[in-house]
PDB file of all heavy atoms in Angstrom:
ATOM      1  N   ALA A   1       0.844  -1.206  -0.002  1.00  0.00           N
ATOM      2  CA  ALA A   1       0.019  -0.001  -0.017  1.00  0.00           C
ATOM      3  C   ALA A   1       0.845   1.259   0.017  1.00  0.00           C
ATOM      4  O   ALA A   1       0.352   2.347   0.064  1.00  0.00           O
ATOM      5  CB  ALA A   1      -0.911   0.036   1.221  1.00  0.00           C
ATOM      6  N   SER A   2       2.143   1.102  -0.039  1.00  0.00           N
ATOM      7  CA  SER A   2       3.048   2.261   0.078  1.00  0.00           C
ATOM      8  C   SER A   2       3.359   2.975  -1.234  1.00  0.00           C
ATOM      9  O   SER A   2       4.181   3.824  -1.278  1.00  0.00           O
ATOM     10  CB  SER A   2       4.369   1.825   0.727  1.00  0.00           C
ATOM     11  OG  SER A   2       4.141   1.384   2.028  1.00  0.00           O
ATOM     12  N   ALA A   3       2.720   2.525  -2.320  1.00  0.00           N
ATOM     13  CA  ALA A   3       2.999   3.174  -3.593  1.00  0.00           C
ATOM     14  C   ALA A   3       1.740   3.162  -4.433  1.00  0.00           C
ATOM     15  O   ALA A   3       0.826   2.374  -4.227  1.00  0.00           O
ATOM     16  CB  ALA A   3       4.101   2.430  -4.350  1.00  0.00           C
ATOM     17  N   GLY A   4       1.700   4.086  -5.393  1.00  0.00           N
ATOM     18  CA  GLY A   4       0.550   4.115  -6.284  1.00  0.00           C
ATOM     19  C   GLY A   4      -0.538   5.097  -5.864  1.00  0.00           C
ATOM     20  O   GLY A   4      -0.428   5.739  -4.887  1.00  0.00           O
ATOM     21  N   SER A   5      -1.571   5.138  -6.668  1.00  0.00           N
ATOM     22  CA  SER A   5      -2.650   6.099  -6.417  1.00  0.00           C
ATOM     23  C   SER A   5      -3.448   5.737  -5.203  1.00  0.00           C
ATOM     24  O   SER A   5      -3.768   4.581  -4.946  1.00  0.00           O
ATOM     25  CB  SER A   5      -3.605   6.141  -7.648  1.00  0.00           C
ATOM     26  OG  SER A   5      -4.713   6.985  -7.382  1.00  0.00           O
ATOM     27  N   PHE A   6      -3.861   6.694  -4.443  1.00  0.00           N
ATOM     28  CA  PHE A   6      -4.680   6.479  -3.240  1.00  0.00           C
ATOM     29  C   PHE A   6      -6.004   7.173  -3.360  1.00  0.00           C
ATOM     30  O   PHE A   6      -6.564   7.722  -2.431  1.00  0.00           O
ATOM     31  CB  PHE A   6      -3.920   7.011  -2.008  1.00  0.00           C
ATOM     32  CG  PHE A   6      -2.957   6.041  -1.460  1.00  0.00           C
ATOM     33  CD1 PHE A   6      -1.757   5.802  -2.085  1.00  0.00           C
ATOM     34  CD2 PHE A   6      -3.271   5.325  -0.302  1.00  0.00           C
ATOM     35  CE1 PHE A   6      -0.892   4.915  -1.573  1.00  0.00           C
ATOM     36  CE2 PHE A   6      -2.383   4.333   0.198  1.00  0.00           C
ATOM     37  CZ  PHE A   6      -1.205   4.153  -0.458  1.00  0.00           C
ATOM     38  N   ARG A   7      -6.554   7.098  -4.538  1.00  0.00           N
ATOM     39  CA  ARG A   7      -7.897   7.754  -4.756  1.00  0.00           C
ATOM     40  C   ARG A   7      -8.978   6.999  -3.957  1.00  0.00           C
ATOM     41  O   ARG A   7     -10.026   7.563  -3.720  1.00  0.00           O
ATOM     42  CB  ARG A   7      -8.195   7.763  -6.235  1.00  0.00           C
ATOM     43  CG  ARG A   7      -7.247   8.692  -7.040  1.00  0.00           C
ATOM     44  CD  ARG A   7      -7.625   8.825  -8.449  1.00  0.00           C
ATOM     45  NE  ARG A   7      -6.655   9.645  -9.160  1.00  0.00           N
ATOM     46  CZ  ARG A   7      -6.640  10.951  -9.150  1.00  0.00           C
ATOM     47  NH1 ARG A   7      -7.498  11.628  -8.386  1.00  0.00           N
ATOM     48  NH2 ARG A   7      -5.754  11.661  -9.836  1.00  0.00           N
ATOM     49  N   GLY A   8      -8.738   5.763  -3.641  1.00  0.00           N
ATOM     50  CA  GLY A   8      -9.665   5.001  -2.815  1.00  0.00           C
ATOM     51  C   GLY A   8      -9.058   4.746  -1.472  1.00  0.00           C
ATOM     52  O   GLY A   8      -8.941   3.619  -1.045  1.00  0.00           O
ATOM     53  N   PHE A   9      -8.573   5.795  -0.790  1.00  0.00           N
ATOM     54  CA  PHE A   9      -7.807   5.662   0.450  1.00  0.00           C
ATOM     55  C   PHE A   9      -8.550   4.809   1.460  1.00  0.00           C
ATOM     56  O   PHE A   9      -7.914   3.995   2.199  1.00  0.00           O
ATOM     57  CB  PHE A   9      -7.458   7.014   1.038  1.00  0.00           C
ATOM     58  CG  PHE A   9      -6.752   6.960   2.367  1.00  0.00           C
ATOM     59  CD1 PHE A   9      -5.544   6.280   2.442  1.00  0.00           C
ATOM     60  CD2 PHE A   9      -7.236   7.584   3.477  1.00  0.00           C
ATOM     61  CE1 PHE A   9      -4.883   6.225   3.640  1.00  0.00           C
ATOM     62  CE2 PHE A   9      -6.551   7.543   4.684  1.00  0.00           C
ATOM     63  CZ  PHE A   9      -5.364   6.865   4.755  1.00  0.00           C
ATOM     64  N   VAL A  10      -9.880   4.999   1.627  1.00  0.00           N
ATOM     65  CA  VAL A  10     -10.587   4.248   2.665  1.00  0.00           C
ATOM     66  C   VAL A  10     -10.438   2.752   2.406  1.00  0.00           C
ATOM     67  O   VAL A  10     -10.550   1.945   3.332  1.00  0.00           O
ATOM     68  CB  VAL A  10     -12.104   4.604   2.679  1.00  0.00           C
ATOM     69  CG1 VAL A  10     -12.272   6.021   3.193  1.00  0.00           C
ATOM     70  CG2 VAL A  10     -12.713   4.424   1.310  1.00  0.00           C
ATOM     71  N   GLU A  11     -10.211   2.323   1.155  1.00  0.00           N
ATOM     72  CA  GLU A  11     -10.087   0.903   0.888  1.00  0.00           C
ATOM     73  C   GLU A  11      -8.731   0.366   1.312  1.00  0.00           C
ATOM     74  O   GLU A  11      -8.534  -0.857   1.276  1.00  0.00           O
ATOM     75  CB  GLU A  11     -10.280   0.664  -0.623  1.00  0.00           C
ATOM     76  CG  GLU A  11     -11.743   1.042  -1.079  1.00  0.00           C
ATOM     77  CD  GLU A  11     -11.924   0.764  -2.551  1.00  0.00           C
ATOM     78  OE1 GLU A  11     -11.028   0.188  -3.199  1.00  0.00           O
ATOM     79  OE2 GLU A  11     -12.985   1.080  -3.043  1.00  0.00           O
ATOM     80  N   THR A  12      -7.778   1.203   1.731  1.00  0.00           N
ATOM     81  CA  THR A  12      -6.516   0.713   2.159  1.00  0.00           C
ATOM     82  C   THR A  12      -6.608   0.185   3.603  1.00  0.00           C
ATOM     83  O   THR A  12      -5.672  -0.405   4.096  1.00  0.00           O
ATOM     84  CB  THR A  12      -5.397   1.768   2.103  1.00  0.00           C
ATOM     85  OG1 THR A  12      -5.707   2.819   3.050  1.00  0.00           O
ATOM     86  CG2 THR A  12      -5.327   2.374   0.725  1.00  0.00           C
ATOM     87  N   PHE A  13      -7.702   0.443   4.270  1.00  0.00           N
ATOM     88  CA  PHE A  13      -7.910  -0.141   5.610  1.00  0.00           C
ATOM     89  C   PHE A  13      -8.528  -1.489   5.452  1.00  0.00           C
ATOM     90  O   PHE A  13      -9.652  -1.664   5.032  1.00  0.00           O
ATOM     91  CB  PHE A  13      -8.854   0.755   6.452  1.00  0.00           C
ATOM     92  CG  PHE A  13      -8.317   2.125   6.714  1.00  0.00           C
ATOM     93  CD1 PHE A  13      -9.011   3.224   6.271  1.00  0.00           C
ATOM     94  CD2 PHE A  13      -7.123   2.281   7.388  1.00  0.00           C
ATOM     95  CE1 PHE A  13      -8.496   4.532   6.528  1.00  0.00           C
ATOM     96  CE2 PHE A  13      -6.620   3.569   7.617  1.00  0.00           C
ATOM     97  CZ  PHE A  13      -7.280   4.684   7.184  1.00  0.00           C
ATOM     98  N   PRO A  14      -7.751  -2.575   5.821  1.00  0.00           N
ATOM     99  CA  PRO A  14      -8.273  -3.925   5.591  1.00  0.00           C
ATOM    100  C   PRO A  14      -9.452  -4.182   6.520  1.00  0.00           C
ATOM    101  O   PRO A  14      -9.523  -3.728   7.639  1.00  0.00           O
ATOM    102  CB  PRO A  14      -7.067  -4.795   5.997  1.00  0.00           C
ATOM    103  CG  PRO A  14      -6.246  -3.941   6.912  1.00  0.00           C
ATOM    104  CD  PRO A  14      -6.464  -2.524   6.449  1.00  0.00           C
ATOM    105  N   ASP A  15     -10.400  -4.977   6.039  1.00  0.00           N
ATOM    106  CA  ASP A  15     -11.562  -5.394   6.809  1.00  0.00           C
ATOM    107  C   ASP A  15     -11.184  -6.456   7.825  1.00  0.00           C
ATOM    108  O   ASP A  15     -11.792  -6.502   8.896  1.00  0.00           O
ATOM    109  CB  ASP A  15     -12.682  -5.885   5.912  1.00  0.00           C
ATOM    110  CG  ASP A  15     -13.310  -4.758   5.107  1.00  0.00           C
ATOM    111  OD1 ASP A  15     -13.265  -3.605   5.629  1.00  0.00           O
ATOM    112  OD2 ASP A  15     -13.816  -5.008   4.020  1.00  0.00           O
ATOM    113  N   GLU A  16     -10.275  -7.335   7.482  1.00  0.00           N
ATOM    114  CA  GLU A  16      -9.922  -8.404   8.377  1.00  0.00           C
ATOM    115  C   GLU A  16      -8.380  -8.440   8.488  1.00  0.00           C
ATOM    116  O   GLU A  16      -7.668  -8.585   7.495  1.00  0.00           O
ATOM    117  CB  GLU A  16     -10.361  -9.755   7.797  1.00  0.00           C
ATOM    118  CG  GLU A  16     -11.884  -9.924   7.859  1.00  0.00           C
ATOM    119  CD  GLU A  16     -12.409  -9.846   9.247  1.00  0.00           C
ATOM    120  OE1 GLU A  16     -11.705 -10.134  10.221  1.00  0.00           O
ATOM    121  OE2 GLU A  16     -13.639  -9.560   9.376  1.00  0.00           O
ATOM    122  N   VAL A  17      -7.897  -8.166   9.666  1.00  0.00           N
ATOM    123  CA  VAL A  17      -6.478  -8.222   9.922  1.00  0.00           C
ATOM    124  C   VAL A  17      -6.226  -9.424  10.791  1.00  0.00           C
ATOM    125  O   VAL A  17      -6.583  -9.483  11.942  1.00  0.00           O
ATOM    126  CB  VAL A  17      -5.980  -6.953  10.671  1.00  0.00           C
ATOM    127  CG1 VAL A  17      -4.464  -7.067  10.987  1.00  0.00           C
ATOM    128  CG2 VAL A  17      -6.260  -5.730   9.805  1.00  0.00           C
ATOM    129  N   LYS A  18      -5.607 -10.479  10.222  1.00  0.00           N
ATOM    130  CA  LYS A  18      -5.424 -11.722  10.929  1.00  0.00           C
ATOM    131  C   LYS A  18      -4.402 -11.606  12.031  1.00  0.00           C
ATOM    132  O   LYS A  18      -4.462 -12.296  13.025  1.00  0.00           O
ATOM    133  CB  LYS A  18      -4.996 -12.831   9.918  1.00  0.00           C
ATOM    134  CG  LYS A  18      -6.066 -13.145   8.904  1.00  0.00           C
ATOM    135  CD  LYS A  18      -5.615 -14.240   7.986  1.00  0.00           C
ATOM    136  CE  LYS A  18      -6.715 -14.572   6.951  1.00  0.00           C
ATOM    137  NZ  LYS A  18      -6.299 -15.679   6.069  1.00  0.00           N
ATOM    138  N   THR A  19      -3.397 -10.696  11.872  1.00  0.00           N
ATOM    139  CA  THR A  19      -2.395 -10.568  12.875  1.00  0.00           C
ATOM    140  C   THR A  19      -2.222  -9.095  13.292  1.00  0.00           C
ATOM    141  O   THR A  19      -2.144  -8.251  12.477  1.00  0.00           O
ATOM    142  CB  THR A  19      -1.022 -11.079  12.330  1.00  0.00           C
ATOM    143  OG1 THR A  19      -1.160 -12.442  11.974  1.00  0.00           O
ATOM    144  CG2 THR A  19       0.074 -10.954  13.388  1.00  0.00           C
ATOM    145  N   LEU A  20      -2.176  -8.885  14.550  1.00  0.00           N
ATOM    146  CA  LEU A  20      -1.904  -7.587  15.159  1.00  0.00           C
ATOM    147  C   LEU A  20      -0.457  -7.550  15.693  1.00  0.00           C
ATOM    148  O   LEU A  20       0.017  -8.554  16.229  1.00  0.00           O
ATOM    149  CB  LEU A  20      -2.863  -7.268  16.301  1.00  0.00           C
ATOM    150  CG  LEU A  20      -4.358  -7.234  15.923  1.00  0.00           C
ATOM    151  CD1 LEU A  20      -5.208  -6.956  17.138  1.00  0.00           C
ATOM    152  CD2 LEU A  20      -4.650  -6.212  14.856  1.00  0.00           C
ATOM    153  N   TYR A  21       0.219  -6.438  15.527  1.00  0.00           N
ATOM    154  CA  TYR A  21       1.572  -6.333  15.945  1.00  0.00           C
ATOM    155  C   TYR A  21       1.584  -5.758  17.363  1.00  0.00           C
ATOM    156  O   TYR A  21       1.187  -4.607  17.590  1.00  0.00           O
ATOM    157  CB  TYR A  21       2.348  -5.384  14.978  1.00  0.00           C
ATOM    158  CG  TYR A  21       3.832  -5.507  15.049  1.00  0.00           C
ATOM    159  CD1 TYR A  21       4.500  -6.198  14.086  1.00  0.00           C
ATOM    160  CD2 TYR A  21       4.566  -4.873  16.064  1.00  0.00           C
ATOM    161  CE1 TYR A  21       5.896  -6.262  14.099  1.00  0.00           C
ATOM    162  CE2 TYR A  21       5.920  -4.993  16.122  1.00  0.00           C
ATOM    163  CZ  TYR A  21       6.596  -5.654  15.134  1.00  0.00           C
ATOM    164  OH  TYR A  21       7.935  -5.755  15.168  1.00  0.00           O
ATOM    165  N   ASN A  22       1.962  -6.556  18.341  1.00  0.00           N
ATOM    166  CA  ASN A  22       1.911  -6.138  19.749  1.00  0.00           C
ATOM    167  C   ASN A  22       3.127  -5.239  20.081  1.00  0.00           C
ATOM    168  O   ASN A  22       4.281  -5.618  19.785  1.00  0.00           O
ATOM    169  CB  ASN A  22       1.849  -7.299  20.697  1.00  0.00           C
ATOM    170  CG  ASN A  22       0.488  -7.568  21.187  1.00  0.00           C
ATOM    171  OD1 ASN A  22      -0.503  -7.409  20.416  1.00  0.00           O
ATOM    172  ND2 ASN A  22       0.348  -7.971  22.422  1.00  0.00           N
ATOM    173  N   ILE A  23       2.857  -4.081  20.697  1.00  0.00           N
ATOM    174  CA  ILE A  23       3.860  -3.131  21.005  1.00  0.00           C
ATOM    175  C   ILE A  23       3.757  -2.702  22.458  1.00  0.00           C
ATOM    176  O   ILE A  23       2.680  -2.404  22.938  1.00  0.00           O
ATOM    177  CB  ILE A  23       3.731  -1.899  20.100  1.00  0.00           C
ATOM    178  CG1 ILE A  23       3.892  -2.294  18.621  1.00  0.00           C
ATOM    179  CG2 ILE A  23       4.790  -0.813  20.503  1.00  0.00           C
ATOM    180  CD1 ILE A  23       3.559  -1.149  17.739  1.00  0.00           C
ATOM    181  N   PRO A  24       4.854  -2.653  23.200  1.00  0.00           N
ATOM    182  CA  PRO A  24       4.802  -2.103  24.565  1.00  0.00           C
ATOM    183  C   PRO A  24       4.324  -0.658  24.538  1.00  0.00           C
ATOM    184  O   PRO A  24       4.755   0.154  23.685  1.00  0.00           O
ATOM    185  CB  PRO A  24       6.254  -2.192  25.061  1.00  0.00           C
ATOM    186  CG  PRO A  24       6.840  -3.277  24.212  1.00  0.00           C
ATOM    187  CD  PRO A  24       6.164  -3.152  22.857  1.00  0.00           C
ATOM    188  N   ILE A  25       3.459  -0.287  25.445  1.00  0.00           N
ATOM    189  CA  ILE A  25       2.836   1.065  25.426  1.00  0.00           C
ATOM    190  C   ILE A  25       2.823   1.665  26.803  1.00  0.00           C
ATOM    191  O   ILE A  25       3.022   0.990  27.788  1.00  0.00           O
ATOM    192  CB  ILE A  25       1.412   1.012  24.883  1.00  0.00           C
ATOM    193  CG1 ILE A  25       0.537   0.090  25.768  1.00  0.00           C
ATOM    194  CG2 ILE A  25       1.369   0.579  23.434  1.00  0.00           C
ATOM    195  CD1 ILE A  25      -0.917   0.181  25.517  1.00  0.00           C
ATOM    196  N   GLU A  26       2.574   2.957  26.848  1.00  0.00           N
ATOM    197  CA  GLU A  26       2.309   3.612  28.083  1.00  0.00           C
ATOM    198  C   GLU A  26       0.831   3.423  28.373  1.00  0.00           C
ATOM    199  O   GLU A  26       0.082   2.874  27.515  1.00  0.00           O
ATOM    200  CB  GLU A  26       2.630   5.112  28.016  1.00  0.00           C
ATOM    201  CG  GLU A  26       4.133   5.370  27.808  1.00  0.00           C
ATOM    202  CD  GLU A  26       4.454   6.836  27.617  1.00  0.00           C
ATOM    203  OE1 GLU A  26       3.490   7.635  27.686  1.00  0.00           O
ATOM    204  OE2 GLU A  26       5.618   7.136  27.449  1.00  0.00           O
ATOM    205  N   LYS A  27       0.381   3.814  29.540  1.00  0.00           N
ATOM    206  CA  LYS A  27      -0.997   3.459  29.956  1.00  0.00           C
ATOM    207  C   LYS A  27      -2.020   4.104  29.094  1.00  0.00           C
ATOM    208  O   LYS A  27      -3.060   3.471  28.801  1.00  0.00           O
ATOM    209  CB  LYS A  27      -1.186   3.903  31.429  1.00  0.00           C
ATOM    210  CG  LYS A  27      -2.481   3.446  32.029  1.00  0.00           C
ATOM    211  CD  LYS A  27      -2.569   1.914  32.173  1.00  0.00           C
ATOM    212  CE  LYS A  27      -3.820   1.494  32.848  1.00  0.00           C
ATOM    213  NZ  LYS A  27      -3.960   0.006  32.878  1.00  0.00           N
ATOM    214  N   PHE A  28      -1.843   5.323  28.637  1.00  0.00           N
ATOM    215  CA  PHE A  28      -2.930   6.028  27.950  1.00  0.00           C
ATOM    216  C   PHE A  28      -2.564   6.313  26.524  1.00  0.00           C
ATOM    217  O   PHE A  28      -1.464   6.736  26.189  1.00  0.00           O
ATOM    218  CB  PHE A  28      -3.227   7.407  28.658  1.00  0.00           C
ATOM    219  CG  PHE A  28      -4.178   8.208  27.846  1.00  0.00           C
ATOM    220  CD1 PHE A  28      -5.525   7.869  27.820  1.00  0.00           C
ATOM    221  CD2 PHE A  28      -3.793   9.320  27.147  1.00  0.00           C
ATOM    222  CE1 PHE A  28      -6.458   8.648  27.148  1.00  0.00           C
ATOM    223  CE2 PHE A  28      -4.681  10.076  26.428  1.00  0.00           C
ATOM    224  CZ  PHE A  28      -6.013   9.792  26.430  1.00  0.00           C
TER     225      PHE A  28
END
């Protein structure tokens, strides 16, 4: 998704993400 036309930008958000990338975070 990092190249090319983004005229349909909303479609770059996947409906199903099988894997989430876990990241250490602060509380808020």
